[in-house]
N, C-alpha and C. Protein backbone atom coordinates (compact mmCIF):
# COMPACT_ATOMS: atom_id res chain seq x y z
N MET A 1 1.14 6.56 -22.65
CA MET A 1 1.60 7.35 -21.55
C MET A 1 0.61 7.11 -20.41
N LEU A 2 1.24 6.67 -19.27
CA LEU A 2 0.45 6.48 -18.04
C LEU A 2 0.58 7.74 -17.26
N ARG A 3 -0.61 8.50 -17.15
CA ARG A 3 -0.58 9.62 -16.33
C ARG A 3 -0.88 9.38 -14.88
N ILE A 4 -0.04 9.78 -14.00
CA ILE A 4 -0.24 9.59 -12.59
C ILE A 4 -0.91 10.76 -11.95
N ASN A 5 -0.42 11.88 -12.14
CA ASN A 5 -0.98 13.11 -11.76
C ASN A 5 -0.51 14.31 -12.72
N ASP A 6 -0.71 15.57 -12.38
CA ASP A 6 -0.34 16.59 -13.30
C ASP A 6 1.11 16.71 -13.57
N ARG A 7 1.90 16.17 -12.66
CA ARG A 7 3.41 16.29 -12.78
C ARG A 7 4.10 14.98 -13.15
N ILE A 8 3.45 13.89 -12.87
CA ILE A 8 4.20 12.64 -13.21
C ILE A 8 3.44 11.83 -14.28
N SER A 9 4.11 11.44 -15.32
CA SER A 9 3.66 10.54 -16.34
C SER A 9 4.72 9.52 -16.68
N ILE A 10 4.34 8.40 -17.02
CA ILE A 10 5.38 7.41 -17.37
C ILE A 10 5.10 6.84 -18.74
N PRO A 11 6.04 6.89 -19.64
CA PRO A 11 5.85 6.32 -21.01
C PRO A 11 5.66 4.78 -20.85
N LEU A 12 4.75 4.28 -21.81
CA LEU A 12 4.45 2.82 -21.76
C LEU A 12 5.67 2.05 -22.11
N ALA A 13 6.63 2.63 -22.82
CA ALA A 13 7.93 1.89 -23.19
C ALA A 13 8.70 1.47 -22.00
N GLU A 14 8.49 2.09 -20.87
CA GLU A 14 9.20 1.73 -19.63
C GLU A 14 8.67 0.37 -19.07
N PHE A 15 7.43 -0.01 -19.54
CA PHE A 15 6.80 -1.24 -18.97
C PHE A 15 7.05 -2.31 -20.05
N GLN A 16 7.14 -3.56 -19.44
CA GLN A 16 7.15 -4.82 -20.32
C GLN A 16 6.00 -5.60 -19.93
N PHE A 17 5.23 -6.02 -20.97
CA PHE A 17 3.92 -6.76 -20.69
C PHE A 17 4.19 -8.08 -21.31
N ASP A 18 3.75 -9.07 -20.44
CA ASP A 18 3.73 -10.52 -20.85
C ASP A 18 2.30 -11.00 -20.76
N VAL A 19 1.87 -11.83 -21.73
CA VAL A 19 0.47 -12.35 -21.65
C VAL A 19 0.53 -13.91 -21.53
N SER A 20 -0.44 -14.48 -20.94
CA SER A 20 -0.51 -15.89 -20.81
C SER A 20 -1.96 -16.38 -20.62
N ARG A 21 -2.11 -17.54 -20.56
CA ARG A 21 -3.53 -18.16 -20.38
C ARG A 21 -3.95 -17.85 -18.97
N SER A 22 -5.17 -17.59 -18.82
CA SER A 22 -5.66 -17.07 -17.56
C SER A 22 -6.56 -18.15 -17.00
N GLY A 23 -6.63 -18.21 -15.62
CA GLY A 23 -7.64 -18.99 -15.04
C GLY A 23 -8.90 -18.00 -14.84
N GLY A 24 -9.90 -18.39 -14.19
CA GLY A 24 -11.02 -17.53 -13.97
C GLY A 24 -12.00 -17.62 -15.12
N PRO A 25 -12.85 -16.60 -15.31
CA PRO A 25 -13.91 -16.71 -16.25
C PRO A 25 -13.47 -16.78 -17.59
N GLY A 26 -14.36 -17.36 -18.41
CA GLY A 26 -14.04 -17.53 -19.87
C GLY A 26 -14.64 -18.81 -20.49
N GLY A 27 -14.98 -19.77 -19.74
CA GLY A 27 -15.57 -20.97 -20.30
C GLY A 27 -14.55 -21.69 -21.06
N GLN A 28 -15.04 -22.31 -22.14
CA GLN A 28 -14.08 -23.11 -23.00
C GLN A 28 -13.11 -22.19 -23.61
N ASN A 29 -13.41 -20.86 -23.85
CA ASN A 29 -12.50 -19.92 -24.45
C ASN A 29 -11.21 -19.66 -23.65
N VAL A 30 -11.27 -19.99 -22.39
CA VAL A 30 -10.13 -19.75 -21.43
C VAL A 30 -8.96 -20.56 -21.78
N ASN A 31 -9.10 -21.71 -22.43
CA ASN A 31 -8.07 -22.62 -22.90
C ASN A 31 -7.40 -22.16 -24.12
N LYS A 32 -8.00 -21.11 -24.80
CA LYS A 32 -7.44 -20.84 -26.15
C LYS A 32 -6.88 -19.45 -26.25
N VAL A 33 -7.28 -18.53 -25.31
CA VAL A 33 -6.98 -17.12 -25.40
C VAL A 33 -6.00 -16.69 -24.26
N ASN A 34 -5.01 -16.00 -24.64
CA ASN A 34 -4.03 -15.33 -23.65
C ASN A 34 -4.56 -14.06 -23.17
N SER A 35 -5.29 -14.07 -21.98
CA SER A 35 -5.91 -12.94 -21.55
C SER A 35 -5.26 -12.39 -20.23
N LYS A 36 -4.42 -13.19 -19.54
CA LYS A 36 -3.85 -12.73 -18.30
C LYS A 36 -2.62 -11.87 -18.68
N VAL A 37 -2.50 -10.70 -17.98
CA VAL A 37 -1.45 -9.75 -18.33
C VAL A 37 -0.54 -9.70 -17.02
N LEU A 38 0.81 -9.74 -17.38
CA LEU A 38 1.83 -9.63 -16.31
C LEU A 38 2.64 -8.35 -16.70
N LEU A 39 2.64 -7.37 -15.89
CA LEU A 39 3.35 -6.12 -16.18
C LEU A 39 4.69 -6.20 -15.39
N ARG A 40 5.86 -5.85 -16.07
CA ARG A 40 7.07 -5.84 -15.38
C ARG A 40 7.63 -4.37 -15.56
N TRP A 41 8.16 -3.83 -14.39
CA TRP A 41 8.60 -2.44 -14.34
C TRP A 41 9.77 -2.29 -13.30
N ILE A 42 10.73 -1.64 -13.70
CA ILE A 42 11.90 -1.38 -12.67
C ILE A 42 11.78 0.05 -12.24
N PRO A 43 11.24 0.30 -11.08
CA PRO A 43 11.12 1.70 -10.65
C PRO A 43 12.36 2.32 -10.26
N ALA A 44 13.32 1.62 -9.89
CA ALA A 44 14.68 2.23 -9.39
C ALA A 44 15.37 2.96 -10.62
N THR A 45 15.18 2.48 -11.82
CA THR A 45 15.84 3.09 -12.95
C THR A 45 14.89 3.95 -13.84
N SER A 46 13.78 4.21 -13.30
CA SER A 46 12.74 5.05 -14.19
C SER A 46 13.07 6.52 -14.12
N PRO A 47 13.36 7.02 -15.20
CA PRO A 47 13.62 8.50 -15.29
C PRO A 47 12.42 9.28 -15.12
N SER A 48 11.30 8.83 -15.15
CA SER A 48 10.00 9.61 -15.15
C SER A 48 9.65 9.97 -13.71
N LEU A 49 10.28 9.18 -12.72
CA LEU A 49 9.86 9.54 -11.31
C LEU A 49 10.78 10.53 -10.67
N PRO A 50 10.22 11.46 -10.03
CA PRO A 50 11.08 12.39 -9.21
C PRO A 50 11.66 11.69 -8.08
N GLU A 51 12.90 12.09 -7.64
CA GLU A 51 13.67 11.26 -6.70
C GLU A 51 13.04 11.09 -5.29
N PRO A 52 12.28 12.05 -4.73
CA PRO A 52 11.60 11.71 -3.47
C PRO A 52 10.52 10.69 -3.55
N VAL A 53 9.80 10.80 -4.72
CA VAL A 53 8.72 9.80 -4.97
C VAL A 53 9.26 8.48 -5.21
N ARG A 54 10.43 8.36 -5.96
CA ARG A 54 11.05 7.07 -6.15
C ARG A 54 11.51 6.44 -4.88
N ALA A 55 12.16 7.27 -3.99
CA ALA A 55 12.63 6.75 -2.71
C ALA A 55 11.42 6.19 -1.75
N ARG A 56 10.35 6.97 -1.79
CA ARG A 56 9.13 6.54 -0.98
C ARG A 56 8.59 5.24 -1.60
N LEU A 57 8.55 5.22 -3.02
CA LEU A 57 7.94 3.99 -3.70
C LEU A 57 8.84 2.78 -3.45
N LEU A 58 10.18 2.88 -3.50
CA LEU A 58 10.98 1.82 -3.29
C LEU A 58 10.95 1.30 -1.90
N LEU A 59 10.78 2.19 -0.96
CA LEU A 59 10.56 1.73 0.44
C LEU A 59 9.22 1.06 0.65
N ALA A 60 8.22 1.52 0.05
CA ALA A 60 6.92 0.86 0.19
C ALA A 60 6.83 -0.44 -0.50
N LEU A 61 7.58 -0.63 -1.63
CA LEU A 61 7.41 -1.87 -2.42
C LEU A 61 8.61 -2.82 -2.16
N ALA A 62 9.31 -2.56 -1.12
CA ALA A 62 10.53 -3.40 -0.88
C ALA A 62 10.19 -4.94 -0.83
N ASN A 63 9.02 -5.31 -0.32
CA ASN A 63 8.72 -6.73 -0.26
C ASN A 63 8.15 -7.19 -1.57
N ARG A 64 7.73 -6.36 -2.42
CA ARG A 64 7.20 -6.82 -3.67
C ARG A 64 8.13 -6.87 -4.93
N LEU A 65 9.36 -6.32 -4.76
CA LEU A 65 10.38 -6.30 -5.82
C LEU A 65 11.09 -7.58 -5.91
N THR A 66 11.46 -8.05 -7.15
CA THR A 66 12.17 -9.11 -7.32
C THR A 66 13.73 -8.80 -7.06
N ARG A 67 14.63 -9.86 -7.13
CA ARG A 67 15.96 -9.61 -6.90
C ARG A 67 16.63 -8.60 -7.84
N GLU A 68 16.00 -8.62 -9.06
CA GLU A 68 16.50 -7.63 -10.10
C GLU A 68 15.94 -6.33 -9.86
N GLY A 69 15.04 -6.08 -9.00
CA GLY A 69 14.40 -4.78 -8.69
C GLY A 69 13.11 -4.57 -9.53
N GLU A 70 12.64 -5.61 -10.07
CA GLU A 70 11.41 -5.47 -11.01
C GLU A 70 10.19 -5.55 -10.13
N LEU A 71 9.19 -4.68 -10.45
CA LEU A 71 7.83 -4.80 -9.84
C LEU A 71 6.98 -5.60 -10.72
N LEU A 72 6.37 -6.65 -10.30
CA LEU A 72 5.45 -7.56 -10.98
C LEU A 72 4.07 -7.26 -10.63
N VAL A 73 3.22 -6.97 -11.65
CA VAL A 73 1.84 -6.71 -11.32
C VAL A 73 1.09 -7.54 -12.33
N SER A 74 0.13 -8.39 -11.92
CA SER A 74 -0.62 -9.16 -12.85
C SER A 74 -2.08 -8.94 -12.70
N SER A 75 -2.81 -9.22 -13.72
CA SER A 75 -4.33 -9.21 -13.73
C SER A 75 -4.98 -10.12 -14.59
N GLN A 76 -5.87 -10.90 -13.97
CA GLN A 76 -6.69 -11.82 -14.87
C GLN A 76 -8.19 -11.74 -14.44
N ARG A 77 -8.43 -10.50 -14.08
CA ARG A 77 -9.86 -10.21 -13.63
C ARG A 77 -10.83 -10.33 -14.57
N THR A 78 -10.68 -10.04 -15.89
CA THR A 78 -11.62 -10.09 -16.91
C THR A 78 -11.24 -11.03 -17.98
N ARG A 79 -12.14 -11.22 -18.93
CA ARG A 79 -11.84 -12.07 -20.08
C ARG A 79 -11.07 -11.46 -21.22
N ASP A 80 -11.00 -10.14 -21.10
CA ASP A 80 -10.41 -9.34 -22.26
C ASP A 80 -9.04 -8.90 -21.90
N GLN A 81 -8.08 -9.14 -22.75
CA GLN A 81 -6.67 -8.84 -22.55
C GLN A 81 -6.43 -7.39 -22.37
N SER A 82 -7.11 -6.52 -23.11
CA SER A 82 -6.95 -5.07 -23.03
C SER A 82 -7.40 -4.49 -21.69
N ARG A 83 -8.49 -5.07 -21.25
CA ARG A 83 -8.97 -4.65 -19.92
C ARG A 83 -8.16 -5.08 -18.74
N ASN A 84 -7.56 -6.27 -18.92
CA ASN A 84 -6.53 -6.72 -17.87
C ASN A 84 -5.36 -5.83 -17.95
N LEU A 85 -4.93 -5.44 -19.16
CA LEU A 85 -3.75 -4.53 -19.20
C LEU A 85 -4.10 -3.14 -18.62
N ALA A 86 -5.26 -2.58 -18.86
CA ALA A 86 -5.71 -1.39 -18.14
C ALA A 86 -5.78 -1.57 -16.64
N ASP A 87 -6.13 -2.73 -16.15
CA ASP A 87 -6.22 -2.98 -14.75
C ASP A 87 -4.82 -2.97 -14.09
N CYS A 88 -3.85 -3.60 -14.82
CA CYS A 88 -2.44 -3.58 -14.41
C CYS A 88 -1.90 -2.12 -14.31
N LEU A 89 -2.24 -1.31 -15.26
CA LEU A 89 -1.73 0.04 -15.30
C LEU A 89 -2.43 0.83 -14.09
N ALA A 90 -3.71 0.56 -13.92
CA ALA A 90 -4.36 1.18 -12.73
C ALA A 90 -3.84 0.85 -11.44
N LYS A 91 -3.37 -0.45 -11.25
CA LYS A 91 -2.70 -0.83 -10.03
C LYS A 91 -1.42 -0.14 -9.88
N VAL A 92 -0.56 -0.03 -10.82
CA VAL A 92 0.69 0.66 -10.82
C VAL A 92 0.47 2.15 -10.44
N ARG A 93 -0.57 2.72 -11.09
CA ARG A 93 -0.91 4.12 -10.86
C ARG A 93 -1.17 4.32 -9.41
N GLU A 94 -2.11 3.41 -8.73
CA GLU A 94 -2.41 3.64 -7.34
C GLU A 94 -1.17 3.47 -6.51
N LEU A 95 -0.28 2.62 -6.76
CA LEU A 95 0.91 2.45 -5.99
C LEU A 95 1.77 3.74 -6.01
N ILE A 96 1.93 4.35 -7.16
CA ILE A 96 2.76 5.49 -7.40
C ILE A 96 2.03 6.70 -6.77
N LEU A 97 0.69 6.78 -6.90
CA LEU A 97 -0.07 7.87 -6.28
C LEU A 97 0.08 7.79 -4.69
N ALA A 98 0.14 6.64 -4.16
CA ALA A 98 0.29 6.48 -2.63
C ALA A 98 1.66 6.99 -2.28
N ALA A 99 2.66 6.77 -3.08
CA ALA A 99 4.06 7.14 -2.82
C ALA A 99 4.22 8.69 -3.14
N ALA A 100 3.43 9.20 -4.00
CA ALA A 100 3.60 10.62 -4.39
C ALA A 100 3.21 11.56 -3.37
N THR A 101 2.25 11.25 -2.58
CA THR A 101 1.89 12.14 -1.42
C THR A 101 2.78 11.98 -0.26
N PRO A 102 3.49 13.09 0.19
CA PRO A 102 4.56 12.93 1.23
C PRO A 102 3.73 12.74 2.50
N PRO A 103 4.37 11.89 3.41
CA PRO A 103 3.68 11.57 4.63
C PRO A 103 3.64 12.78 5.52
N LYS A 104 2.55 12.87 6.41
CA LYS A 104 2.37 13.99 7.35
C LYS A 104 3.47 14.03 8.38
N ILE A 105 3.94 15.06 8.71
CA ILE A 105 4.94 15.09 9.92
C ILE A 105 4.13 15.08 11.16
N ARG A 106 4.57 14.20 11.98
CA ARG A 106 3.88 14.02 13.34
C ARG A 106 4.33 15.16 14.21
N ARG A 107 3.47 15.83 14.74
CA ARG A 107 3.79 16.92 15.82
C ARG A 107 3.22 16.38 17.06
N PRO A 108 4.14 16.03 18.07
CA PRO A 108 3.62 15.40 19.37
C PRO A 108 2.72 16.36 20.03
N SER A 109 1.61 15.92 20.62
CA SER A 109 0.73 16.70 21.33
C SER A 109 0.95 16.46 22.79
N ARG A 110 0.34 17.33 23.65
CA ARG A 110 0.44 17.25 25.07
C ARG A 110 -0.90 16.94 25.59
N PRO A 111 -0.98 16.15 26.75
CA PRO A 111 -2.34 15.91 27.32
C PRO A 111 -2.88 17.19 27.90
N THR A 112 -4.27 17.26 27.80
CA THR A 112 -4.89 18.58 28.40
C THR A 112 -4.91 18.35 29.94
N HIS A 113 -5.16 19.53 30.54
CA HIS A 113 -5.21 19.53 31.96
C HIS A 113 -6.34 18.72 32.50
N ALA A 114 -7.47 18.67 31.82
CA ALA A 114 -8.66 17.92 32.28
C ALA A 114 -8.38 16.43 32.12
N SER A 115 -7.60 15.95 31.06
CA SER A 115 -7.34 14.58 30.89
C SER A 115 -6.40 14.15 31.95
N LYS A 116 -5.41 14.99 32.42
CA LYS A 116 -4.59 14.65 33.50
C LYS A 116 -5.35 14.45 34.73
N ILE A 117 -6.30 15.27 35.11
CA ILE A 117 -7.10 15.21 36.28
C ILE A 117 -7.92 13.88 36.21
N ARG A 118 -8.57 13.66 34.99
CA ARG A 118 -9.33 12.32 34.92
C ARG A 118 -8.40 11.17 35.19
N ARG A 119 -7.16 11.18 34.70
CA ARG A 119 -6.32 10.03 34.90
C ARG A 119 -6.00 9.86 36.30
N VAL A 120 -5.68 10.92 37.08
CA VAL A 120 -5.30 10.71 38.41
C VAL A 120 -6.55 10.29 39.26
N GLU A 121 -7.75 10.82 38.88
CA GLU A 121 -8.96 10.38 39.64
C GLU A 121 -9.22 8.89 39.41
N ALA A 122 -8.98 8.43 38.23
CA ALA A 122 -9.24 7.03 37.87
C ALA A 122 -8.31 6.21 38.58
N LYS A 123 -7.05 6.61 38.71
CA LYS A 123 -6.02 5.90 39.45
C LYS A 123 -6.45 5.76 40.97
N GLY A 124 -6.97 6.83 41.48
CA GLY A 124 -7.46 6.85 42.93
C GLY A 124 -8.57 5.84 43.10
N ARG A 125 -9.53 5.85 42.16
CA ARG A 125 -10.72 4.89 42.22
C ARG A 125 -10.14 3.48 42.22
N ARG A 126 -9.28 3.18 41.27
CA ARG A 126 -8.72 1.76 41.14
C ARG A 126 -7.97 1.41 42.38
N SER A 127 -7.24 2.31 42.99
CA SER A 127 -6.53 2.06 44.21
C SER A 127 -7.52 1.81 45.39
N ALA A 128 -8.54 2.49 45.51
CA ALA A 128 -9.51 2.31 46.53
C ALA A 128 -10.20 0.96 46.44
N THR A 129 -10.52 0.57 45.13
CA THR A 129 -11.16 -0.69 44.89
C THR A 129 -10.23 -1.78 45.35
N LYS A 130 -8.90 -1.67 45.05
CA LYS A 130 -8.08 -2.79 45.42
C LYS A 130 -7.80 -2.84 46.87
N GLN A 131 -7.79 -1.61 47.58
CA GLN A 131 -7.60 -1.61 48.95
C GLN A 131 -8.80 -2.33 49.59
N LEU A 132 -9.96 -2.16 49.15
CA LEU A 132 -11.10 -2.80 49.77
C LEU A 132 -11.16 -4.36 49.56
N ARG A 133 -10.36 -4.80 48.61
CA ARG A 133 -10.30 -6.31 48.41
C ARG A 133 -9.33 -6.89 49.29
N ARG A 134 -8.39 -6.12 50.01
CA ARG A 134 -7.42 -6.76 50.82
C ARG A 134 -8.03 -7.24 52.13
N LYS A 135 -7.29 -8.11 52.75
CA LYS A 135 -7.71 -8.52 54.00
C LYS A 135 -7.56 -7.42 55.02
N PRO A 136 -8.37 -7.32 56.04
CA PRO A 136 -8.10 -6.21 57.03
C PRO A 136 -6.90 -6.45 57.90
N GLU A 137 -6.24 -5.35 58.21
CA GLU A 137 -4.93 -5.46 58.93
C GLU A 137 -5.28 -5.70 60.32
N THR A 138 -4.49 -6.57 60.99
CA THR A 138 -4.67 -6.88 62.47
C THR A 138 -3.48 -6.41 63.19
N ASP A 139 -3.68 -5.50 64.18
CA ASP A 139 -2.56 -5.00 64.90
C ASP A 139 -2.27 -5.73 66.14
């Protein structure tokens, strides 16, 4: 069971794990051991995700999903297959946690009176500077 927070947990049966030979650290052993882990998961059909979290997650992962709607997460960070599997699950957990927090509603603010005055004064200074650069008028 992958626990995301106190309300969301995903059974490991929803994930599909593929292992293969990894690049990276391992010396001669790297040619013999399947330590790279590729995690496959279809978030659109996951019954474990609440609907608003699923919608935000699919929107955030739109560029990372395959045509079939699978999320692919791989890890070959360590020499150990079990640690790479845990790393894949941690990556998925971070993605879901980011989607689980609803975005803050933007409340438009208004400029303060002092900032309006500073803006008008700065405009006046720029205008005066540019007027001094002009050629003198001849009548």
